[in-house]
């Protein structure tokens, strides 16, 4: 089926208390693994590309690969820009056929963020595209996003209400303690569910988004390190916290790091165990299968979107 916007799937998620997985894509194998998993689980899915992914793969390759995926399945698929840094990038994605864009104005002060988001919303809505915005700053590093822990801040529920009213954004990413990258917590994981609940009380009809929400699956971290990687102490958001977030009203949960770990760990394993292997299909195929299993786990056991397509 053709690409869709997230409007209907988010309405259903808010009504039935489950989340939609938004998985970052960079190449064919990642797209195939995600879509295959979502198809088997009969789950709607969001394929999202950062500006760095677009620079890496190119607009034409990314959009055509996603278009091919829509022809292979009947599940609803959204093509979304993740962390659009400016109006020009959002405009380019809208013009290229993306059905959803995120404008990330969280690095600006409140008024600048409002003005920038409103500008993107006006352009997008005229063309039938939905807009995600962000209020609050998540710590961590991912692609072009780099925020120190000192600069991170939680979302203010009152500001969130004003922001949505003034911008008309379709969904809102909030900061409740998650962070980008593989090193999310130094101590025990802790999310501010009280902030989430207050935001939902003030914005009951606005889909809420959780960024920086990879579990940083310990088994994959161990596999990476076992076969030559160096990512000691990596720690993410536990599955049970993400499941609670989806039940409390989060409609979209972003996953990137876990896919990178699945791909890298399994490719490292092939290289270590079969040093004579040089056929990319042999190790990229294994990585694709690993990504599929990670996505199936997220959809079925954590987000609750199985059979919600």
C-alpha atoms as a PDB file:
ATOM      1  CA  UNK A   1       0.000   0.000   0.000  1.00  0.00           C
ATOM      2  CA  UNK A   2       1.183   3.616  -0.503  1.00  0.00           C
ATOM      3  CA  UNK A   3       2.978   5.519   2.239  1.00  0.00           C
ATOM      4  CA  UNK A   4       0.674   6.992   4.868  1.00  0.00           C
ATOM      5  CA  UNK A   5       0.942   9.689   7.508  1.00  0.00           C
ATOM      6  CA  UNK A   6       1.013   8.788  11.193  1.00  0.00           C
ATOM      7  CA  UNK A   7      -2.353  10.450  11.896  1.00  0.00           C
ATOM      8  CA  UNK A   8      -4.611   7.385  11.951  1.00  0.00           C
ATOM      9  CA  UNK A   9      -2.106   5.043  13.590  1.00  0.00           C
ATOM     10  CA  UNK A  10      -1.486   7.576  16.372  1.00  0.00           C
ATOM     11  CA  UNK A  11      -5.219   8.027  16.953  1.00  0.00           C
ATOM     12  CA  UNK A  12      -5.531   4.261  17.348  1.00  0.00           C
ATOM     13  CA  UNK A  13      -2.475   4.069  19.612  1.00  0.00           C
ATOM     14  CA  UNK A  14      -3.876   6.707  21.984  1.00  0.00           C
ATOM     15  CA  UNK A  15      -7.255   4.982  22.101  1.00  0.00           C
ATOM     16  CA  UNK A  16      -5.842   1.475  22.671  1.00  0.00           C
ATOM     17  CA  UNK A  17      -2.692   2.373  24.681  1.00  0.00           C
ATOM     18  CA  UNK A  18       0.124   0.997  22.570  1.00  0.00           C
ATOM     19  CA  UNK A  19       3.108   2.608  20.859  1.00  0.00           C
ATOM     20  CA  UNK A  20       4.309   2.606  17.265  1.00  0.00           C
ATOM     21  CA  UNK A  21       7.950   1.703  16.731  1.00  0.00           C
ATOM     22  CA  UNK A  22       9.926   4.298  14.774  1.00  0.00           C
ATOM     23  CA  UNK A  23      13.087   2.663  13.490  1.00  0.00           C
ATOM     24  CA  UNK A  24      16.000   4.517  11.930  1.00  0.00           C
ATOM     25  CA  UNK A  25      17.072   3.374   8.472  1.00  0.00           C
ATOM     26  CA  UNK A  26      20.322   3.820   6.556  1.00  0.00           C
ATOM     27  CA  UNK A  27      20.470   1.032   3.990  1.00  0.00           C
ATOM     28  CA  UNK A  28      18.558  -1.787   2.283  1.00  0.00           C
ATOM     29  CA  UNK A  29      19.199  -4.503   4.846  1.00  0.00           C
ATOM     30  CA  UNK A  30      17.936  -2.370   7.733  1.00  0.00           C
ATOM     31  CA  UNK A  31      14.768  -1.467   5.831  1.00  0.00           C
ATOM     32  CA  UNK A  32      14.161  -5.093   4.860  1.00  0.00           C
ATOM     33  CA  UNK A  33      14.686  -6.365   8.403  1.00  0.00           C
ATOM     34  CA  UNK A  34      12.302  -3.806   9.912  1.00  0.00           C
ATOM     35  CA  UNK A  35       9.538  -4.222   7.330  1.00  0.00           C
ATOM     36  CA  UNK A  36       9.754  -8.016   7.398  1.00  0.00           C
ATOM     37  CA  UNK A  37       9.339  -7.992  11.193  1.00  0.00           C
ATOM     38  CA  UNK A  38       6.453  -5.512  11.122  1.00  0.00           C
ATOM     39  CA  UNK A  39       4.720  -7.495   8.374  1.00  0.00           C
ATOM     40  CA  UNK A  40       4.928 -10.752  10.328  1.00  0.00           C
ATOM     41  CA  UNK A  41       3.591  -8.996  13.431  1.00  0.00           C
ATOM     42  CA  UNK A  42       0.903  -7.197  11.400  1.00  0.00           C
ATOM     43  CA  UNK A  43       2.031  -3.931  12.965  1.00  0.00           C
ATOM     44  CA  UNK A  44       2.103  -0.378  11.600  1.00  0.00           C
ATOM     45  CA  UNK A  45       5.634   0.958  11.430  1.00  0.00           C
ATOM     46  CA  UNK A  46       7.544   4.214  11.002  1.00  0.00           C
ATOM     47  CA  UNK A  47      10.744   4.192   8.963  1.00  0.00           C
ATOM     48  CA  UNK A  48      12.732   7.281   9.847  1.00  0.00           C
ATOM     49  CA  UNK A  49      15.865   8.808   8.398  1.00  0.00           C
ATOM     50  CA  UNK A  50      18.056  11.466   9.980  1.00  0.00           C
ATOM     51  CA  UNK A  51      19.698  14.161   7.889  1.00  0.00           C
ATOM     52  CA  UNK A  52      22.950  12.208   8.288  1.00  0.00           C
ATOM     53  CA  UNK A  53      21.289   9.080   6.884  1.00  0.00           C
ATOM     54  CA  UNK A  54      20.015  11.108   3.937  1.00  0.00           C
ATOM     55  CA  UNK A  55      23.519  12.439   3.285  1.00  0.00           C
ATOM     56  CA  UNK A  56      24.844   8.874   3.459  1.00  0.00           C
ATOM     57  CA  UNK A  57      22.277   7.116   1.267  1.00  0.00           C
ATOM     58  CA  UNK A  58      20.793   9.985  -0.750  1.00  0.00           C
ATOM     59  CA  UNK A  59      17.159  11.023  -1.140  1.00  0.00           C
ATOM     60  CA  UNK A  60      16.544   8.905  -4.241  1.00  0.00           C
ATOM     61  CA  UNK A  61      17.980   5.680  -2.844  1.00  0.00           C
ATOM     62  CA  UNK A  62      16.196   6.014   0.505  1.00  0.00           C
ATOM     63  CA  UNK A  63      12.797   6.930  -0.904  1.00  0.00           C
ATOM     64  CA  UNK A  64      12.949   4.274  -3.629  1.00  0.00           C
ATOM     65  CA  UNK A  65      13.957   1.553  -1.175  1.00  0.00           C
ATOM     66  CA  UNK A  66      11.085   2.517   1.109  1.00  0.00           C
ATOM     67  CA  UNK A  67       8.773   2.648  -1.896  1.00  0.00           C
ATOM     68  CA  UNK A  68       9.857  -0.909  -2.744  1.00  0.00           C
ATOM     69  CA  UNK A  69       9.028  -1.937   0.828  1.00  0.00           C
ATOM     70  CA  UNK A  70       5.490  -0.549   0.513  1.00  0.00           C
ATOM     71  CA  UNK A  71       4.981  -2.701  -2.595  1.00  0.00           C
ATOM     72  CA  UNK A  72       6.013  -5.825  -0.673  1.00  0.00           C
ATOM     73  CA  UNK A  73       3.554  -5.488   2.214  1.00  0.00           C
ATOM     74  CA  UNK A  74       0.069  -4.290   3.112  1.00  0.00           C
ATOM     75  CA  UNK A  75       0.946  -2.821   6.533  1.00  0.00           C
ATOM     76  CA  UNK A  76       0.832   0.985   7.014  1.00  0.00           C
ATOM     77  CA  UNK A  77       4.300   2.543   6.613  1.00  0.00           C
ATOM     78  CA  UNK A  78       5.291   6.133   7.380  1.00  0.00           C
ATOM     79  CA  UNK A  79       8.462   7.695   5.954  1.00  0.00           C
ATOM     80  CA  UNK A  80       9.620  10.205   8.563  1.00  0.00           C
ATOM     81  CA  UNK A  81      12.455  12.718   8.887  1.00  0.00           C
ATOM     82  CA  UNK A  82      14.125  12.312  12.283  1.00  0.00           C
ATOM     83  CA  UNK A  83      15.627  15.417  13.915  1.00  0.00           C
ATOM     84  CA  UNK A  84      15.235  17.836  11.042  1.00  0.00           C
ATOM     85  CA  UNK A  85      17.717  20.584  11.905  1.00  0.00           C
ATOM     86  CA  UNK A  86      16.125  23.438   9.923  1.00  0.00           C
ATOM     87  CA  UNK A  87      13.253  24.479   7.679  1.00  0.00           C
ATOM     88  CA  UNK A  88      15.215  23.785   4.496  1.00  0.00           C
ATOM     89  CA  UNK A  89      15.818  20.119   5.394  1.00  0.00           C
ATOM     90  CA  UNK A  90      12.167  19.607   6.318  1.00  0.00           C
ATOM     91  CA  UNK A  91      11.057  21.256   3.070  1.00  0.00           C
ATOM     92  CA  UNK A  92      13.402  19.055   1.020  1.00  0.00           C
ATOM     93  CA  UNK A  93      12.028  15.899   2.668  1.00  0.00           C
ATOM     94  CA  UNK A  94       8.425  16.977   2.161  1.00  0.00           C
ATOM     95  CA  UNK A  95       9.141  17.722  -1.484  1.00  0.00           C
ATOM     96  CA  UNK A  96      10.886  14.329  -1.833  1.00  0.00           C
ATOM     97  CA  UNK A  97       7.813  12.406  -0.689  1.00  0.00           C
ATOM     98  CA  UNK A  98       8.267  11.984   3.084  1.00  0.00           C
ATOM     99  CA  UNK A  99       4.861  11.742   4.774  1.00  0.00           C
ATOM    100  CA  UNK A 100       6.067  13.003   8.152  1.00  0.00           C
ATOM    101  CA  UNK A 101       8.851  15.325   9.307  1.00  0.00           C
ATOM    102  CA  UNK A 102      10.328  16.294  12.622  1.00  0.00           C
ATOM    103  CA  UNK A 103      11.592  19.803  13.153  1.00  0.00           C
ATOM    104  CA  UNK A 104      13.937  19.831  16.133  1.00  0.00           C
ATOM    105  CA  UNK A 105      14.012  23.343  17.508  1.00  0.00           C
ATOM    106  CA  UNK A 106      14.834  22.205  21.050  1.00  0.00           C
ATOM    107  CA  UNK A 107      18.261  23.835  20.857  1.00  0.00           C
ATOM    108  CA  UNK A 108      16.601  27.252  20.582  1.00  0.00           C
ATOM    109  CA  UNK A 109      14.765  29.249  23.221  1.00  0.00           C
ATOM    110  CA  UNK A 110      11.013  28.775  23.496  1.00  0.00           C
ATOM    111  CA  UNK A 111       9.939  31.603  21.191  1.00  0.00           C
ATOM    112  CA  UNK A 112      12.426  30.673  18.466  1.00  0.00           C
ATOM    113  CA  UNK A 113      11.330  27.052  18.683  1.00  0.00           C
ATOM    114  CA  UNK A 114       7.681  28.102  18.333  1.00  0.00           C
ATOM    115  CA  UNK A 115       8.404  30.291  15.299  1.00  0.00           C
ATOM    116  CA  UNK A 116      10.489  27.668  13.495  1.00  0.00           C
ATOM    117  CA  UNK A 117       8.026  24.859  14.215  1.00  0.00           C
ATOM    118  CA  UNK A 118       5.069  26.968  13.045  1.00  0.00           C
ATOM    119  CA  UNK A 119       6.869  27.727   9.782  1.00  0.00           C
ATOM    120  CA  UNK A 120       7.411  24.004   9.111  1.00  0.00           C
ATOM    121  CA  UNK A 121       3.840  23.138  10.165  1.00  0.00           C
ATOM    122  CA  UNK A 122       2.373  25.667   7.729  1.00  0.00           C
ATOM    123  CA  UNK A 123       4.416  24.331   4.803  1.00  0.00           C
ATOM    124  CA  UNK A 124       3.806  20.677   5.679  1.00  0.00           C
ATOM    125  CA  UNK A 125       0.076  20.885   6.331  1.00  0.00           C
ATOM    126  CA  UNK A 126      -0.534  22.580   2.981  1.00  0.00           C
ATOM    127  CA  UNK A 127       0.950  19.431   1.403  1.00  0.00           C
ATOM    128  CA  UNK A 128      -0.745  16.815   3.574  1.00  0.00           C
ATOM    129  CA  UNK A 129       2.353  16.046   5.659  1.00  0.00           C
ATOM    130  CA  UNK A 130       2.352  15.778   9.464  1.00  0.00           C
ATOM    131  CA  UNK A 131       4.892  17.391  11.793  1.00  0.00           C
ATOM    132  CA  UNK A 132       6.601  16.223  14.977  1.00  0.00           C
ATOM    133  CA  UNK A 133       8.269  18.834  17.169  1.00  0.00           C
ATOM    134  CA  UNK A 134      10.389  18.679  20.319  1.00  0.00           C
ATOM    135  CA  UNK A 135      10.309  20.533  23.623  1.00  0.00           C
ATOM    136  CA  UNK A 136      12.999  19.861  26.208  1.00  0.00           C
ATOM    137  CA  UNK A 137      16.532  18.640  25.542  1.00  0.00           C
ATOM    138  CA  UNK A 138      17.712  15.028  25.617  1.00  0.00           C
ATOM    139  CA  UNK A 139      21.317  14.370  26.567  1.00  0.00           C
ATOM    140  CA  UNK A 140      23.542  12.138  24.457  1.00  0.00           C
ATOM    141  CA  UNK A 141      25.025  11.803  20.997  1.00  0.00           C
ATOM    142  CA  UNK A 142      23.345  10.440  17.863  1.00  0.00           C
ATOM    143  CA  UNK A 143      24.273  11.478  14.308  1.00  0.00           C
ATOM    144  CA  UNK A 144      24.134  15.309  14.284  1.00  0.00           C
ATOM    145  CA  UNK A 145      22.528  15.550  17.748  1.00  0.00           C
ATOM    146  CA  UNK A 146      25.009  16.234  20.561  1.00  0.00           C
ATOM    147  CA  UNK A 147      23.763  17.518  23.925  1.00  0.00           C
ATOM    148  CA  UNK A 148      25.778  17.389  27.130  1.00  0.00           C
ATOM    149  CA  UNK A 149      24.158  16.188  30.353  1.00  0.00           C
ATOM    150  CA  UNK A 150      24.591  19.683  31.796  1.00  0.00           C
ATOM    151  CA  UNK A 151      22.505  21.165  28.963  1.00  0.00           C
ATOM    152  CA  UNK A 152      19.740  18.537  29.083  1.00  0.00           C
ATOM    153  CA  UNK A 153      16.387  19.583  30.538  1.00  0.00           C
ATOM    154  CA  UNK A 154      12.994  18.028  31.211  1.00  0.00           C
ATOM    155  CA  UNK A 155       9.881  19.158  29.354  1.00  0.00           C
ATOM    156  CA  UNK A 156       7.626  21.551  31.243  1.00  0.00           C
ATOM    157  CA  UNK A 157       3.972  20.375  30.897  1.00  0.00           C
ATOM    158  CA  UNK A 158       2.567  23.923  30.897  1.00  0.00           C
ATOM    159  CA  UNK A 159       4.998  24.964  28.184  1.00  0.00           C
ATOM    160  CA  UNK A 160       4.128  21.821  26.230  1.00  0.00           C
ATOM    161  CA  UNK A 161       0.460  22.822  26.172  1.00  0.00           C
ATOM    162  CA  UNK A 162       1.256  26.368  25.029  1.00  0.00           C
ATOM    163  CA  UNK A 163       3.711  25.079  22.428  1.00  0.00           C
ATOM    164  CA  UNK A 164       1.199  22.726  20.792  1.00  0.00           C
ATOM    165  CA  UNK A 165      -1.543  25.374  20.806  1.00  0.00           C
ATOM    166  CA  UNK A 166       0.678  27.967  19.153  1.00  0.00           C
ATOM    167  CA  UNK A 167       2.427  25.755  16.604  1.00  0.00           C
ATOM    168  CA  UNK A 168      -0.270  23.292  15.581  1.00  0.00           C
ATOM    169  CA  UNK A 169       2.276  20.457  15.531  1.00  0.00           C
ATOM    170  CA  UNK A 170       0.787  16.982  15.133  1.00  0.00           C
ATOM    171  CA  UNK A 171       2.944  15.200  17.730  1.00  0.00           C
ATOM    172  CA  UNK A 172       5.393  16.241  20.418  1.00  0.00           C
ATOM    173  CA  UNK A 173       8.660  14.685  21.539  1.00  0.00           C
ATOM    174  CA  UNK A 174       9.236  15.290  25.246  1.00  0.00           C
ATOM    175  CA  UNK A 175      12.229  14.896  27.561  1.00  0.00           C
ATOM    176  CA  UNK A 176      11.554  12.670  30.582  1.00  0.00           C
ATOM    177  CA  UNK A 177      15.006  11.188  31.145  1.00  0.00           C
ATOM    178  CA  UNK A 178      15.915   9.180  28.050  1.00  0.00           C
ATOM    179  CA  UNK A 179      19.025  10.093  26.068  1.00  0.00           C
ATOM    180  CA  UNK A 180      20.571   9.444  22.684  1.00  0.00           C
ATOM    181  CA  UNK A 181      23.289   6.902  21.997  1.00  0.00           C
ATOM    182  CA  UNK A 182      24.524   3.780  23.784  1.00  0.00           C
ATOM    183  CA  UNK A 183      25.380   5.383  27.147  1.00  0.00           C
ATOM    184  CA  UNK A 184      22.039   6.571  28.500  1.00  0.00           C
ATOM    185  CA  UNK A 185      22.508   6.134  32.254  1.00  0.00           C
ATOM    186  CA  UNK A 186      25.513   6.119  34.570  1.00  0.00           C
ATOM    187  CA  UNK A 187      23.527   4.630  37.448  1.00  0.00           C
ATOM    188  CA  UNK A 188      20.088   3.052  37.509  1.00  0.00           C
ATOM    189  CA  UNK A 189      17.686   3.927  34.706  1.00  0.00           C
ATOM    190  CA  UNK A 190      15.050   6.451  35.730  1.00  0.00           C
ATOM    191  CA  UNK A 191      12.255   8.001  33.682  1.00  0.00           C
ATOM    192  CA  UNK A 192       9.997  10.827  34.862  1.00  0.00           C
ATOM    193  CA  UNK A 193       6.628   9.183  34.332  1.00  0.00           C
ATOM    194  CA  UNK A 194       5.082  11.928  36.440  1.00  0.00           C
ATOM    195  CA  UNK A 195       6.017  14.465  33.744  1.00  0.00           C
ATOM    196  CA  UNK A 196       4.604  12.188  31.036  1.00  0.00           C
ATOM    197  CA  UNK A 197       1.309  11.884  32.908  1.00  0.00           C
ATOM    198  CA  UNK A 198       1.042  15.656  33.412  1.00  0.00           C
ATOM    199  CA  UNK A 199       1.748  16.285  29.727  1.00  0.00           C
ATOM    200  CA  UNK A 200      -0.933  13.765  28.725  1.00  0.00           C
ATOM    201  CA  UNK A 201      -3.418  15.376  31.118  1.00  0.00           C
ATOM    202  CA  UNK A 202      -2.884  18.726  29.423  1.00  0.00           C
ATOM    203  CA  UNK A 203      -2.637  17.291  25.898  1.00  0.00           C
ATOM    204  CA  UNK A 204      -4.890  14.213  25.864  1.00  0.00           C
ATOM    205  CA  UNK A 205      -5.317  14.302  22.080  1.00  0.00           C
ATOM    206  CA  UNK A 206      -1.697  14.994  21.121  1.00  0.00           C
ATOM    207  CA  UNK A 207       0.515  11.982  20.319  1.00  0.00           C
ATOM    208  CA  UNK A 208       3.613  11.954  22.540  1.00  0.00           C
ATOM    209  CA  UNK A 209       7.001  10.781  21.260  1.00  0.00           C
ATOM    210  CA  UNK A 210       9.927   9.265  23.157  1.00  0.00           C
ATOM    211  CA  UNK A 211      13.386   9.754  21.668  1.00  0.00           C
ATOM    212  CA  UNK A 212      16.580   8.065  22.850  1.00  0.00           C
ATOM    213  CA  UNK A 213      14.618   4.943  23.747  1.00  0.00           C
ATOM    214  CA  UNK A 214      16.810   2.021  22.721  1.00  0.00           C
ATOM    215  CA  UNK A 215      17.215  -0.703  25.333  1.00  0.00           C
ATOM    216  CA  UNK A 216      20.906  -1.071  24.407  1.00  0.00           C
ATOM    217  CA  UNK A 217      20.307  -4.825  24.558  1.00  0.00           C
ATOM    218  CA  UNK A 218      22.960  -6.306  26.901  1.00  0.00           C
ATOM    219  CA  UNK A 219      23.371  -9.510  24.874  1.00  0.00           C
ATOM    220  CA  UNK A 220      24.224  -7.476  21.769  1.00  0.00           C
ATOM    221  CA  UNK A 221      26.648  -5.277  23.689  1.00  0.00           C
ATOM    222  CA  UNK A 222      28.353  -8.422  25.020  1.00  0.00           C
ATOM    223  CA  UNK A 223      28.510  -9.908  21.518  1.00  0.00           C
ATOM    224  CA  UNK A 224      30.065  -6.739  20.122  1.00  0.00           C
ATOM    225  CA  UNK A 225      32.704  -6.712  22.845  1.00  0.00           C
ATOM    226  CA  UNK A 226      33.349 -10.454  22.550  1.00  0.00           C
ATOM    227  CA  UNK A 227      34.217 -10.126  18.899  1.00  0.00           C
ATOM    228  CA  UNK A 228      36.487  -7.112  19.089  1.00  0.00           C
ATOM    229  CA  UNK A 229      34.226  -4.189  19.918  1.00  0.00           C
ATOM    230  CA  UNK A 230      34.954  -1.596  22.596  1.00  0.00           C
ATOM    231  CA  UNK A 231      31.692  -0.378  24.120  1.00  0.00           C
ATOM    232  CA  UNK A 232      32.028  -1.194  27.821  1.00  0.00           C
ATOM    233  CA  UNK A 233      29.382   0.067  30.206  1.00  0.00           C
ATOM    234  CA  UNK A 234      26.754   0.820  27.546  1.00  0.00           C
ATOM    235  CA  UNK A 235      23.312   1.017  29.138  1.00  0.00           C
ATOM    236  CA  UNK A 236      19.840   1.839  27.822  1.00  0.00           C
ATOM    237  CA  UNK A 237      16.175   2.071  28.802  1.00  0.00           C
ATOM    238  CA  UNK A 238      14.843  -1.261  30.174  1.00  0.00           C
ATOM    239  CA  UNK A 239      12.005  -2.913  28.269  1.00  0.00           C
ATOM    240  CA  UNK A 240       9.646  -2.699  31.220  1.00  0.00           C
ATOM    241  CA  UNK A 241      10.020   1.103  31.346  1.00  0.00           C
ATOM    242  CA  UNK A 242       9.300   1.427  27.629  1.00  0.00           C
ATOM    243  CA  UNK A 243       6.278  -0.834  27.985  1.00  0.00           C
ATOM    244  CA  UNK A 244       4.986   1.336  30.837  1.00  0.00           C
ATOM    245  CA  UNK A 245       5.560   4.476  28.746  1.00  0.00           C
ATOM    246  CA  UNK A 246       3.500   3.033  25.886  1.00  0.00           C
ATOM    247  CA  UNK A 247       0.694   2.119  28.283  1.00  0.00           C
ATOM    248  CA  UNK A 248       0.754   5.627  29.832  1.00  0.00           C
ATOM    249  CA  UNK A 249       0.255   7.376  26.519  1.00  0.00           C
ATOM    250  CA  UNK A 250       3.456   7.474  24.446  1.00  0.00           C
ATOM    251  CA  UNK A 251       2.428   6.895  20.823  1.00  0.00           C
ATOM    252  CA  UNK A 252       5.831   6.753  19.113  1.00  0.00           C
ATOM    253  CA  UNK A 253       9.046   5.232  20.453  1.00  0.00           C
ATOM    254  CA  UNK A 254      12.292   5.763  18.555  1.00  0.00           C
ATOM    255  CA  UNK A 255      14.847   2.979  18.116  1.00  0.00           C
ATOM    256  CA  UNK A 256      18.241   3.399  16.468  1.00  0.00           C
ATOM    257  CA  UNK A 257      21.083   2.207  18.725  1.00  0.00           C
ATOM    258  CA  UNK A 258      19.631  -1.296  19.134  1.00  0.00           C
ATOM    259  CA  UNK A 259      19.570  -1.749  15.350  1.00  0.00           C
ATOM    260  CA  UNK A 260      23.170  -0.591  15.060  1.00  0.00           C
ATOM    261  CA  UNK A 261      24.197  -3.012  17.787  1.00  0.00           C
ATOM    262  CA  UNK A 262      22.351  -5.922  16.171  1.00  0.00           C
ATOM    263  CA  UNK A 263      23.972  -5.264  12.822  1.00  0.00           C
ATOM    264  CA  UNK A 264      27.484  -4.641  14.121  1.00  0.00           C
ATOM    265  CA  UNK A 265      27.536  -7.516  16.627  1.00  0.00           C
ATOM    266  CA  UNK A 266      26.479 -10.071  14.052  1.00  0.00           C
ATOM    267  CA  UNK A 267      28.829  -8.838  11.349  1.00  0.00           C
ATOM    268  CA  UNK A 268      31.699  -8.912  13.852  1.00  0.00           C
ATOM    269  CA  UNK A 269      30.762 -12.485  14.757  1.00  0.00           C
ATOM    270  CA  UNK A 270      30.884 -13.602  11.128  1.00  0.00           C
ATOM    271  CA  UNK A 271      34.256 -11.942  10.566  1.00  0.00           C
ATOM    272  CA  UNK A 272      35.683 -13.479  13.739  1.00  0.00           C
ATOM    273  CA  UNK A 273      34.401 -17.002  13.133  1.00  0.00           C
ATOM    274  CA  UNK A 274      34.875 -17.046   9.352  1.00  0.00           C
ATOM    275  CA  UNK A 275      37.899 -14.861   8.553  1.00  0.00           C
ATOM    276  CA  UNK A 276      37.925 -16.108   4.972  1.00  0.00           C
ATOM    277  CA  UNK A 277      34.405 -14.802   4.303  1.00  0.00           C
ATOM    278  CA  UNK A 278      34.277 -11.839   1.923  1.00  0.00           C
ATOM    279  CA  UNK A 279      30.812 -12.159   0.376  1.00  0.00           C
ATOM    280  CA  UNK A 280      28.764  -9.173   1.667  1.00  0.00           C
ATOM    281  CA  UNK A 281      25.563 -11.171   1.248  1.00  0.00           C
ATOM    282  CA  UNK A 282      26.738 -13.663   3.836  1.00  0.00           C
ATOM    283  CA  UNK A 283      27.362 -11.149   6.631  1.00  0.00           C
ATOM    284  CA  UNK A 284      24.791  -8.512   5.640  1.00  0.00           C
ATOM    285  CA  UNK A 285      22.152 -11.247   5.441  1.00  0.00           C
ATOM    286  CA  UNK A 286      22.959 -12.373   8.975  1.00  0.00           C
ATOM    287  CA  UNK A 287      22.750  -8.743  10.141  1.00  0.00           C
ATOM    288  CA  UNK A 288      19.395  -8.296   8.419  1.00  0.00           C
ATOM    289  CA  UNK A 289      18.004 -11.359  10.223  1.00  0.00           C
ATOM    290  CA  UNK A 290      19.262 -10.014  13.557  1.00  0.00           C
ATOM    291  CA  UNK A 291      17.581  -6.655  12.976  1.00  0.00           C
ATOM    292  CA  UNK A 292      14.348  -8.464  12.168  1.00  0.00           C
ATOM    293  CA  UNK A 293      14.434 -10.333  15.488  1.00  0.00           C
ATOM    294  CA  UNK A 294      15.106  -7.142  17.460  1.00  0.00           C
ATOM    295  CA  UNK A 295      12.194  -5.350  15.782  1.00  0.00           C
ATOM    296  CA  UNK A 296       9.817  -8.296  16.312  1.00  0.00           C
ATOM    297  CA  UNK A 297      10.713  -8.291  20.012  1.00  0.00           C
ATOM    298  CA  UNK A 298      10.076  -4.555  20.312  1.00  0.00           C
ATOM    299  CA  UNK A 299       6.736  -4.728  18.523  1.00  0.00           C
ATOM    300  CA  UNK A 300       5.409  -7.842  20.256  1.00  0.00           C
ATOM    301  CA  UNK A 301       6.837  -7.669  23.778  1.00  0.00           C
ATOM    302  CA  UNK A 302       7.409  -3.962  24.430  1.00  0.00           C
ATOM    303  CA  UNK A 303       5.319  -1.615  22.277  1.00  0.00           C
ATOM    304  CA  UNK A 304       2.194  -3.775  22.037  1.00  0.00           C
ATOM    305  CA  UNK A 305       1.503  -2.967  18.371  1.00  0.00           C
ATOM    306  CA  UNK A 306       1.116  -6.568  17.136  1.00  0.00           C
ATOM    307  CA  UNK A 307      -2.057  -6.958  15.038  1.00  0.00           C
ATOM    308  CA  UNK A 308      -2.732  -3.209  15.178  1.00  0.00           C
ATOM    309  CA  UNK A 309      -2.164  -2.588  11.453  1.00  0.00           C
END
